[in-house]
Amino acid sequence: MKLLTVNCHAWIEENQLEKIRILAETIKENDYDVIALQEVSQSIAAPAVEGSLKEDNYLIVLLKFLEEIGVSHYHYLWDFVHIGFDIYEEGVAILTKHSIVEETSFFISKSNDTSFWKSRKVVGAKIRNADQEMWFYSCHLGWWNDEEEAFQDQVTALLNKIDHSQRFFLMGDFNNSGFKRNEGYDYLIEKGLVDTYNLAEEKDNGVTVLGKIAGWDDNIEELRLDLILTNSPLRVASSTVIFNGKNKPVISDHYGVEVEVEL
């Protein structure tokens, strides 16, 4: 299976439509099984087109671009998490070419107030691939030292909501660097999660953020914030950073991560 996670930084990017088109073309080229997207935004004022999805939702625009290039087999889900930049409804999303047999969405933050930018929600899809069923979650967590919304509490809430009897993957922006010891990343691993990057037979340096971005205003380091975690070891053929200017053009303030796993 081919997996992709990207924090889209939706509608804050320059040349946003061109960057969505690059993502669509890459999805067609690589035919991912499951895609997890974060910061998938829509304008508060935009007209609704389907349920809570609005006309300028990043996901809706992406799906239109995919359809234009002959890709129409992806199932999807999106949910609104919190207001961003005063004018956007920011959410998280999953796309998959497999049948979704069950879906879920839940807050992992103490706050359920969508007007509070630190509120956090996860969406999950159980898919069926051949004779196997497994869960995939699109995650966007907070920061290790946040006194208002503790990262540890969010991880606990997330793991308490998950069915541990089946294979699951946590994909997304964890806002804690895999290079930083004794903080959020190590906390995730101590909870029994397995990093597909560590298992990969082929991998690069794993860097998904360079320098200052929103939420990391003083950062001068290379960070590995974007992860694909699972609940037990498996064969991982490769883990590759994408949309970093070397492997496809940059489309966001985060680079993406693609992983190929064998189940």
C-alpha atoms as a PDB file:
ATOM      1  CA  MET A   1       0.000   0.000   0.000  1.00  0.00           C
ATOM      2  CA  LYS A   2       1.112   3.536  -0.776  1.00  0.00           C
ATOM      3  CA  LEU A   3       0.341   6.185   1.849  1.00  0.00           C
ATOM      4  CA  LEU A   4       0.723   9.966   1.724  1.00  0.00           C
ATOM      5  CA  THR A   5       0.339  12.653   4.368  1.00  0.00           C
ATOM      6  CA  VAL A   6       0.497  16.422   3.732  1.00  0.00           C
ATOM      7  CA  ASN A   7      -0.249  19.481   5.841  1.00  0.00           C
ATOM      8  CA  CYS A   8      -1.750  21.618   3.057  1.00  0.00           C
ATOM      9  CA  HIS A   9      -1.531  25.112   4.627  1.00  0.00           C
ATOM     10  CA  ALA A  10      -4.696  25.678   2.645  1.00  0.00           C
ATOM     11  CA  TRP A  11      -5.406  29.077   1.086  1.00  0.00           C
ATOM     12  CA  ILE A  12      -2.441  30.669   2.859  1.00  0.00           C
ATOM     13  CA  GLU A  13      -0.048  29.611   0.098  1.00  0.00           C
ATOM     14  CA  GLU A  14       0.856  31.803  -2.864  1.00  0.00           C
ATOM     15  CA  ASN A  15      -0.188  30.308  -6.203  1.00  0.00           C
ATOM     16  CA  GLN A  16      -2.506  28.014  -4.273  1.00  0.00           C
ATOM     17  CA  LEU A  17      -4.420  26.654  -7.286  1.00  0.00           C
ATOM     18  CA  GLU A  18      -1.221  25.678  -9.086  1.00  0.00           C
ATOM     19  CA  LYS A  19      -0.029  23.885  -5.948  1.00  0.00           C
ATOM     20  CA  ILE A  20      -3.302  21.964  -5.665  1.00  0.00           C
ATOM     21  CA  ARG A  21      -2.901  20.978  -9.299  1.00  0.00           C
ATOM     22  CA  ILE A  22       0.603  19.634  -8.556  1.00  0.00           C
ATOM     23  CA  LEU A  23      -0.848  17.554  -5.715  1.00  0.00           C
ATOM     24  CA  ALA A  24      -3.594  16.207  -8.001  1.00  0.00           C
ATOM     25  CA  GLU A  25      -1.095  15.231 -10.695  1.00  0.00           C
ATOM     26  CA  THR A  26       1.095  13.503  -8.105  1.00  0.00           C
ATOM     27  CA  ILE A  27      -1.881  11.556  -6.764  1.00  0.00           C
ATOM     28  CA  LYS A  28      -2.649  10.369 -10.282  1.00  0.00           C
ATOM     29  CA  GLU A  29       0.979   9.441 -10.915  1.00  0.00           C
ATOM     30  CA  ASN A  30       1.498   7.511  -7.678  1.00  0.00           C
ATOM     31  CA  ASP A  31      -2.015   6.105  -7.190  1.00  0.00           C
ATOM     32  CA  TYR A  32      -1.927   6.291  -3.385  1.00  0.00           C
ATOM     33  CA  ASP A  33      -4.107   3.931  -1.409  1.00  0.00           C
ATOM     34  CA  VAL A  34      -4.730   6.396   1.425  1.00  0.00           C
ATOM     35  CA  ILE A  35      -4.023  10.129   1.706  1.00  0.00           C
ATOM     36  CA  ALA A  36      -4.237  12.112   4.955  1.00  0.00           C
ATOM     37  CA  LEU A  37      -4.489  15.906   4.695  1.00  0.00           C
ATOM     38  CA  GLN A  38      -4.343  18.556   7.415  1.00  0.00           C
ATOM     39  CA  GLU A  39      -5.134  22.287   7.375  1.00  0.00           C
ATOM     40  CA  VAL A  40      -7.778  21.627   4.737  1.00  0.00           C
ATOM     41  CA  SER A  41      -9.616  24.929   4.804  1.00  0.00           C
ATOM     42  CA  GLN A  42     -12.677  26.617   3.331  1.00  0.00           C
ATOM     43  CA  SER A  43     -13.984  30.163   3.589  1.00  0.00           C
ATOM     44  CA  ILE A  44     -16.604  30.729   6.272  1.00  0.00           C
ATOM     45  CA  ALA A  45     -18.581  32.815   3.789  1.00  0.00           C
ATOM     46  CA  ALA A  46     -18.455  30.355   0.872  1.00  0.00           C
ATOM     47  CA  PRO A  47     -21.701  28.631  -0.229  1.00  0.00           C
ATOM     48  CA  ALA A  48     -22.242  25.023   0.845  1.00  0.00           C
ATOM     49  CA  VAL A  49     -22.051  22.321  -1.831  1.00  0.00           C
ATOM     50  CA  GLU A  50     -22.245  19.039   0.091  1.00  0.00           C
ATOM     51  CA  GLY A  51     -23.074  18.693   3.766  1.00  0.00           C
ATOM     52  CA  SER A  52     -20.555  20.833   5.663  1.00  0.00           C
ATOM     53  CA  LEU A  53     -18.264  21.105   2.630  1.00  0.00           C
ATOM     54  CA  LYS A  54     -18.236  24.502   0.926  1.00  0.00           C
ATOM     55  CA  GLU A  55     -17.486  25.569  -2.605  1.00  0.00           C
ATOM     56  CA  ASP A  56     -13.885  26.626  -2.013  1.00  0.00           C
ATOM     57  CA  ASN A  57     -12.946  23.775   0.327  1.00  0.00           C
ATOM     58  CA  TYR A  58      -9.381  22.741  -0.557  1.00  0.00           C
ATOM     59  CA  LEU A  59     -10.552  19.121  -0.772  1.00  0.00           C
ATOM     60  CA  ILE A  60     -13.400  19.977  -3.165  1.00  0.00           C
ATOM     61  CA  VAL A  61     -11.015  21.906  -5.415  1.00  0.00           C
ATOM     62  CA  LEU A  62      -8.531  19.012  -5.328  1.00  0.00           C
ATOM     63  CA  LEU A  63     -11.245  16.528  -6.285  1.00  0.00           C
ATOM     64  CA  LYS A  64     -12.253  18.735  -9.234  1.00  0.00           C
ATOM     65  CA  PHE A  65      -8.667  18.850 -10.463  1.00  0.00           C
ATOM     66  CA  LEU A  66      -8.441  15.069 -10.088  1.00  0.00           C
ATOM     67  CA  GLU A  67     -11.627  14.616 -12.089  1.00  0.00           C
ATOM     68  CA  GLU A  68     -10.269  16.865 -14.848  1.00  0.00           C
ATOM     69  CA  ILE A  69      -7.269  14.529 -15.261  1.00  0.00           C
ATOM     70  CA  GLY A  70      -9.363  11.364 -15.213  1.00  0.00           C
ATOM     71  CA  VAL A  71      -9.191  10.395 -11.530  1.00  0.00           C
ATOM     72  CA  SER A  72     -12.590   9.888  -9.931  1.00  0.00           C
ATOM     73  CA  HIS A  73     -12.252   6.757  -7.819  1.00  0.00           C
ATOM     74  CA  TYR A  74     -11.303   8.326  -4.469  1.00  0.00           C
ATOM     75  CA  HIS A  75     -13.662   8.177  -1.504  1.00  0.00           C
ATOM     76  CA  TYR A  76     -13.227  10.952   1.045  1.00  0.00           C
ATOM     77  CA  LEU A  77     -14.201  12.504   4.354  1.00  0.00           C
ATOM     78  CA  TRP A  78     -13.537  15.911   5.899  1.00  0.00           C
ATOM     79  CA  ASP A  79     -14.482  17.566   9.159  1.00  0.00           C
ATOM     80  CA  PHE A  80     -14.239  21.094  10.484  1.00  0.00           C
ATOM     81  CA  VAL A  81     -11.857  21.543  13.429  1.00  0.00           C
ATOM     82  CA  HIS A  82     -11.487  25.256  14.185  1.00  0.00           C
ATOM     83  CA  ILE A  83     -11.532  28.761  12.759  1.00  0.00           C
ATOM     84  CA  GLY A  84      -8.241  29.866  11.230  1.00  0.00           C
ATOM     85  CA  PHE A  85      -7.090  33.396  10.392  1.00  0.00           C
ATOM     86  CA  ASP A  86     -10.628  34.639  11.257  1.00  0.00           C
ATOM     87  CA  ILE A  87     -12.011  33.795   7.797  1.00  0.00           C
ATOM     88  CA  TYR A  88     -11.452  30.067   7.302  1.00  0.00           C
ATOM     89  CA  GLU A  89     -12.980  26.875   8.622  1.00  0.00           C
ATOM     90  CA  GLU A  90      -9.934  24.632   8.935  1.00  0.00           C
ATOM     91  CA  GLY A  91     -10.313  20.856   8.915  1.00  0.00           C
ATOM     92  CA  VAL A  92      -8.692  17.478   8.375  1.00  0.00           C
ATOM     93  CA  ALA A  93      -9.403  14.983   5.606  1.00  0.00           C
ATOM     94  CA  ILE A  94      -8.806  11.485   4.292  1.00  0.00           C
ATOM     95  CA  LEU A  95      -8.972  10.240   0.700  1.00  0.00           C
ATOM     96  CA  THR A  96      -8.785   6.568  -0.215  1.00  0.00           C
ATOM     97  CA  LYS A  97      -9.304   4.483  -3.326  1.00  0.00           C
ATOM     98  CA  HIS A  98     -10.633   1.648  -1.133  1.00  0.00           C
ATOM     99  CA  SER A  99     -14.130   1.213   0.248  1.00  0.00           C
ATOM    100  CA  ILE A 100     -14.760   3.064   3.506  1.00  0.00           C
ATOM    101  CA  VAL A 101     -16.670   0.669   5.748  1.00  0.00           C
ATOM    102  CA  GLU A 102     -16.770   2.934   8.800  1.00  0.00           C
ATOM    103  CA  GLU A 103     -15.786   6.505   9.588  1.00  0.00           C
ATOM    104  CA  THR A 104     -15.326   8.593  12.705  1.00  0.00           C
ATOM    105  CA  SER A 105     -14.477  12.104  13.849  1.00  0.00           C
ATOM    106  CA  PHE A 106     -13.704  13.227  17.389  1.00  0.00           C
ATOM    107  CA  PHE A 107     -12.029  15.958  19.407  1.00  0.00           C
ATOM    108  CA  ILE A 108      -8.771  15.104  21.144  1.00  0.00           C
ATOM    109  CA  SER A 109      -8.330  18.535  22.754  1.00  0.00           C
ATOM    110  CA  LYS A 110      -9.846  19.635  26.045  1.00  0.00           C
ATOM    111  CA  SER A 111     -11.586  22.376  24.097  1.00  0.00           C
ATOM    112  CA  ASN A 112     -14.483  21.544  21.767  1.00  0.00           C
ATOM    113  CA  ASP A 113     -14.847  25.213  20.841  1.00  0.00           C
ATOM    114  CA  THR A 114     -14.326  25.584  17.088  1.00  0.00           C
ATOM    115  CA  SER A 115     -13.639  29.313  17.524  1.00  0.00           C
ATOM    116  CA  PHE A 116     -10.498  28.421  19.529  1.00  0.00           C
ATOM    117  CA  TRP A 117      -7.541  27.809  17.220  1.00  0.00           C
ATOM    118  CA  LYS A 118      -5.979  25.224  19.531  1.00  0.00           C
ATOM    119  CA  SER A 119      -9.005  22.913  19.393  1.00  0.00           C
ATOM    120  CA  ARG A 120      -7.986  19.640  17.746  1.00  0.00           C
ATOM    121  CA  LYS A 121     -10.026  16.971  16.006  1.00  0.00           C
ATOM    122  CA  VAL A 122      -9.092  13.727  14.209  1.00  0.00           C
ATOM    123  CA  VAL A 123     -10.957  12.035  11.363  1.00  0.00           C
ATOM    124  CA  GLY A 124     -10.694   8.301  10.800  1.00  0.00           C
ATOM    125  CA  ALA A 125     -11.706   5.837   8.094  1.00  0.00           C
ATOM    126  CA  LYS A 126     -11.811   2.076   8.308  1.00  0.00           C
ATOM    127  CA  ILE A 127     -11.085   0.682   4.869  1.00  0.00           C
ATOM    128  CA  ARG A 128     -11.290  -2.760   3.337  1.00  0.00           C
ATOM    129  CA  ASN A 129      -8.336  -3.830   1.188  1.00  0.00           C
ATOM    130  CA  ALA A 130      -8.723  -7.365  -0.207  1.00  0.00           C
ATOM    131  CA  ASP A 131      -9.601  -9.441   2.868  1.00  0.00           C
ATOM    132  CA  GLN A 132      -8.181  -6.980   5.435  1.00  0.00           C
ATOM    133  CA  GLU A 133      -9.785  -4.115   7.318  1.00  0.00           C
ATOM    134  CA  MET A 134      -7.734  -1.377   8.938  1.00  0.00           C
ATOM    135  CA  TRP A 135      -8.117   2.155  10.263  1.00  0.00           C
ATOM    136  CA  PHE A 136      -6.436   5.326   9.025  1.00  0.00           C
ATOM    137  CA  TYR A 137      -6.537   8.600  10.968  1.00  0.00           C
ATOM    138  CA  SER A 138      -5.628  12.102   9.789  1.00  0.00           C
ATOM    139  CA  CYS A 139      -4.071  13.872  12.770  1.00  0.00           C
ATOM    140  CA  HIS A 140      -2.978  17.413  13.582  1.00  0.00           C
ATOM    141  CA  LEU A 141      -1.822  17.660  17.185  1.00  0.00           C
ATOM    142  CA  GLY A 142      -0.572  20.483  19.389  1.00  0.00           C
ATOM    143  CA  TRP A 143       2.810  21.287  20.941  1.00  0.00           C
ATOM    144  CA  TRP A 144       4.769  19.611  23.708  1.00  0.00           C
ATOM    145  CA  ASN A 145       5.039  22.598  26.060  1.00  0.00           C
ATOM    146  CA  ASP A 146       1.565  24.062  25.521  1.00  0.00           C
ATOM    147  CA  GLU A 147       0.054  24.873  28.912  1.00  0.00           C
ATOM    148  CA  GLU A 148      -3.484  25.344  27.528  1.00  0.00           C
ATOM    149  CA  GLU A 149      -3.667  22.146  25.479  1.00  0.00           C
ATOM    150  CA  ALA A 150      -1.137  19.556  26.650  1.00  0.00           C
ATOM    151  CA  PHE A 151       0.203  17.262  23.942  1.00  0.00           C
ATOM    152  CA  GLN A 152       0.180  14.321  26.367  1.00  0.00           C
ATOM    153  CA  ASP A 153      -3.536  14.758  26.991  1.00  0.00           C
ATOM    154  CA  GLN A 154      -4.255  14.853  23.259  1.00  0.00           C
ATOM    155  CA  VAL A 155      -2.286  11.636  22.687  1.00  0.00           C
ATOM    156  CA  THR A 156      -4.159   9.945  25.542  1.00  0.00           C
ATOM    157  CA  ALA A 157      -7.524  11.068  24.143  1.00  0.00           C
ATOM    158  CA  LEU A 158      -6.534   9.872  20.665  1.00  0.00           C
ATOM    159  CA  LEU A 159      -5.352   6.441  21.786  1.00  0.00           C
ATOM    160  CA  ASN A 160      -8.430   5.980  23.985  1.00  0.00           C
ATOM    161  CA  LYS A 161     -10.683   6.503  20.940  1.00  0.00           C
ATOM    162  CA  ILE A 162      -8.897   4.017  18.693  1.00  0.00           C
ATOM    163  CA  ASP A 163      -9.764   0.341  18.220  1.00  0.00           C
ATOM    164  CA  HIS A 164      -6.472  -1.367  19.061  1.00  0.00           C
ATOM    165  CA  SER A 165      -7.713  -4.789  17.970  1.00  0.00           C
ATOM    166  CA  GLN A 166      -7.071  -3.922  14.308  1.00  0.00           C
ATOM    167  CA  ARG A 167      -4.153  -2.469  12.404  1.00  0.00           C
ATOM    168  CA  PHE A 168      -4.251   1.329  12.411  1.00  0.00           C
ATOM    169  CA  PHE A 169      -2.161   4.140  11.004  1.00  0.00           C
ATOM    170  CA  LEU A 170      -1.843   7.641  12.481  1.00  0.00           C
ATOM    171  CA  MET A 171      -0.862  10.031   9.693  1.00  0.00           C
ATOM    172  CA  GLY A 172      -0.231  13.729   9.891  1.00  0.00           C
ATOM    173  CA  ASP A 173       1.388  16.733  11.520  1.00  0.00           C
ATOM    174  CA  PHE A 174       2.267  15.895  15.126  1.00  0.00           C
ATOM    175  CA  ASN A 175       3.961  19.244  15.852  1.00  0.00           C
ATOM    176  CA  ASN A 176       6.776  17.379  17.612  1.00  0.00           C
ATOM    177  CA  SER A 177      10.012  16.617  15.823  1.00  0.00           C
ATOM    178  CA  GLY A 178      11.249  13.080  15.413  1.00  0.00           C
ATOM    179  CA  PHE A 179      14.745  14.491  15.939  1.00  0.00           C
ATOM    180  CA  LYS A 180      13.982  15.861  19.431  1.00  0.00           C
ATOM    181  CA  ARG A 181      14.567  13.539  22.372  1.00  0.00           C
ATOM    182  CA  ASN A 182      12.528  13.354  25.582  1.00  0.00           C
ATOM    183  CA  GLU A 183       9.585  15.301  24.203  1.00  0.00           C
ATOM    184  CA  GLY A 184       6.478  14.556  22.144  1.00  0.00           C
ATOM    185  CA  TYR A 185       7.977  12.146  19.634  1.00  0.00           C
ATOM    186  CA  ASP A 186       9.498   9.927  22.314  1.00  0.00           C
ATOM    187  CA  TYR A 187       6.197  10.113  24.196  1.00  0.00           C
ATOM    188  CA  LEU A 188       4.410   8.677  21.139  1.00  0.00           C
ATOM    189  CA  ILE A 189       6.918   5.835  20.833  1.00  0.00           C
ATOM    190  CA  GLU A 190       6.713   5.092  24.570  1.00  0.00           C
ATOM    191  CA  LYS A 191       2.963   4.588  24.085  1.00  0.00           C
ATOM    192  CA  GLY A 192       3.738   1.626  21.826  1.00  0.00           C
ATOM    193  CA  LEU A 193       3.410   3.343  18.457  1.00  0.00           C
ATOM    194  CA  VAL A 194       5.777   2.325  15.665  1.00  0.00           C
ATOM    195  CA  ASP A 195       7.290   4.883  13.296  1.00  0.00           C
ATOM    196  CA  THR A 196       7.246   3.636   9.701  1.00  0.00           C
ATOM    197  CA  TYR A 197      10.282   5.848   9.006  1.00  0.00           C
ATOM    198  CA  ASN A 198      12.378   3.782  11.408  1.00  0.00           C
ATOM    199  CA  LEU A 199      11.294   0.548   9.720  1.00  0.00           C
ATOM    200  CA  ALA A 200      11.853   1.734   6.154  1.00  0.00           C
ATOM    201  CA  GLU A 201      14.356  -0.214   4.098  1.00  0.00           C
ATOM    202  CA  GLU A 202      14.936   2.891   1.971  1.00  0.00           C
ATOM    203  CA  LYS A 203      14.601   6.400   3.394  1.00  0.00           C
ATOM    204  CA  ASP A 204      15.927   9.937   3.165  1.00  0.00           C
ATOM    205  CA  ASN A 205      16.673  12.434   5.946  1.00  0.00           C
ATOM    206  CA  GLY A 206      12.981  12.712   6.863  1.00  0.00           C
ATOM    207  CA  VAL A 207      12.987  16.522   7.153  1.00  0.00           C
ATOM    208  CA  THR A 208       9.504  17.977   6.595  1.00  0.00           C
ATOM    209  CA  VAL A 209       9.943  21.562   7.863  1.00  0.00           C
ATOM    210  CA  LEU A 210      12.801  24.014   7.344  1.00  0.00           C
ATOM    211  CA  GLY A 211      13.052  27.176   9.417  1.00  0.00           C
ATOM    212  CA  LYS A 212      10.192  29.364  10.594  1.00  0.00           C
ATOM    213  CA  ILE A 213       6.560  28.462   9.916  1.00  0.00           C
ATOM    214  CA  ALA A 214       3.300  29.275  11.707  1.00  0.00           C
ATOM    215  CA  GLY A 215       3.455  27.753  15.178  1.00  0.00           C
ATOM    216  CA  TRP A 216       7.246  27.519  14.982  1.00  0.00           C
ATOM    217  CA  ASP A 217       8.017  31.234  14.766  1.00  0.00           C
ATOM    218  CA  ASP A 218      11.505  31.008  16.291  1.00  0.00           C
ATOM    219  CA  ASN A 219      12.586  27.787  14.643  1.00  0.00           C
ATOM    220  CA  ILE A 220      16.002  27.633  12.957  1.00  0.00           C
ATOM    221  CA  GLU A 221      16.283  23.833  12.838  1.00  0.00           C
ATOM    222  CA  GLU A 222      15.357  21.046  10.461  1.00  0.00           C
ATOM    223  CA  LEU A 223      12.239  19.319  11.822  1.00  0.00           C
ATOM    224  CA  ARG A 224      10.504  16.003  11.200  1.00  0.00           C
ATOM    225  CA  LEU A 225       6.981  16.919  12.281  1.00  0.00           C
ATOM    226  CA  ASP A 226       5.024  14.883   9.725  1.00  0.00           C
ATOM    227  CA  LEU A 227       4.826  11.203  10.579  1.00  0.00           C
ATOM    228  CA  ILE A 228       3.116   7.953   9.662  1.00  0.00           C
ATOM    229  CA  LEU A 229       2.800   5.772  12.756  1.00  0.00           C
ATOM    230  CA  THR A 230       1.230   2.348  13.235  1.00  0.00           C
ATOM    231  CA  ASN A 231       0.467  -0.024  16.110  1.00  0.00           C
ATOM    232  CA  SER A 232       2.747  -2.957  15.317  1.00  0.00           C
ATOM    233  CA  PRO A 233       5.810  -3.623  13.137  1.00  0.00           C
ATOM    234  CA  LEU A 234       5.400  -4.416   9.442  1.00  0.00           C
ATOM    235  CA  ARG A 235       7.560  -4.358   6.340  1.00  0.00           C
ATOM    236  CA  VAL A 236       8.120  -0.814   5.082  1.00  0.00           C
ATOM    237  CA  ALA A 237       9.786  -0.728   1.683  1.00  0.00           C
ATOM    238  CA  SER A 238      10.360   3.034   1.656  1.00  0.00           C
ATOM    239  CA  SER A 239       9.706   6.334   3.422  1.00  0.00           C
ATOM    240  CA  THR A 240      10.254   9.424   1.305  1.00  0.00           C
ATOM    241  CA  VAL A 241       9.789  13.150   1.803  1.00  0.00           C
ATOM    242  CA  ILE A 242       7.875  14.678  -1.098  1.00  0.00           C
ATOM    243  CA  PHE A 243       6.963  18.228  -2.209  1.00  0.00           C
ATOM    244  CA  ASN A 244      10.302  19.494  -0.905  1.00  0.00           C
ATOM    245  CA  GLY A 245      11.663  21.036  -4.114  1.00  0.00           C
ATOM    246  CA  LYS A 246      13.779  17.969  -4.831  1.00  0.00           C
ATOM    247  CA  ASN A 247      11.053  15.342  -5.007  1.00  0.00           C
ATOM    248  CA  LYS A 248       8.263  17.416  -6.614  1.00  0.00           C
ATOM    249  CA  PRO A 249       7.795  21.192  -6.186  1.00  0.00           C
ATOM    250  CA  VAL A 250       7.012  22.701  -2.791  1.00  0.00           C
ATOM    251  CA  ILE A 251       3.235  23.033  -2.254  1.00  0.00           C
ATOM    252  CA  SER A 252       3.023  23.982   1.447  1.00  0.00           C
ATOM    253  CA  ASP A 253       5.030  25.199   4.433  1.00  0.00           C
ATOM    254  CA  HIS A 254       5.306  21.486   5.324  1.00  0.00           C
ATOM    255  CA  TYR A 255       6.742  18.871   3.010  1.00  0.00           C
ATOM    256  CA  GLY A 256       4.754  15.666   2.616  1.00  0.00           C
ATOM    257  CA  VAL A 257       5.673  12.093   3.506  1.00  0.00           C
ATOM    258  CA  GLU A 258       4.943   9.057   1.350  1.00  0.00           C
ATOM    259  CA  VAL A 259       5.400   5.514   2.605  1.00  0.00           C
ATOM    260  CA  GLU A 260       5.092   2.150   0.909  1.00  0.00           C
ATOM    261  CA  VAL A 261       4.133  -0.673   3.262  1.00  0.00           C
ATOM    262  CA  GLU A 262       3.490  -4.373   2.816  1.00  0.00           C
ATOM    263  CA  LEU A 263       0.707  -5.929   4.860  1.00  0.00           C
END
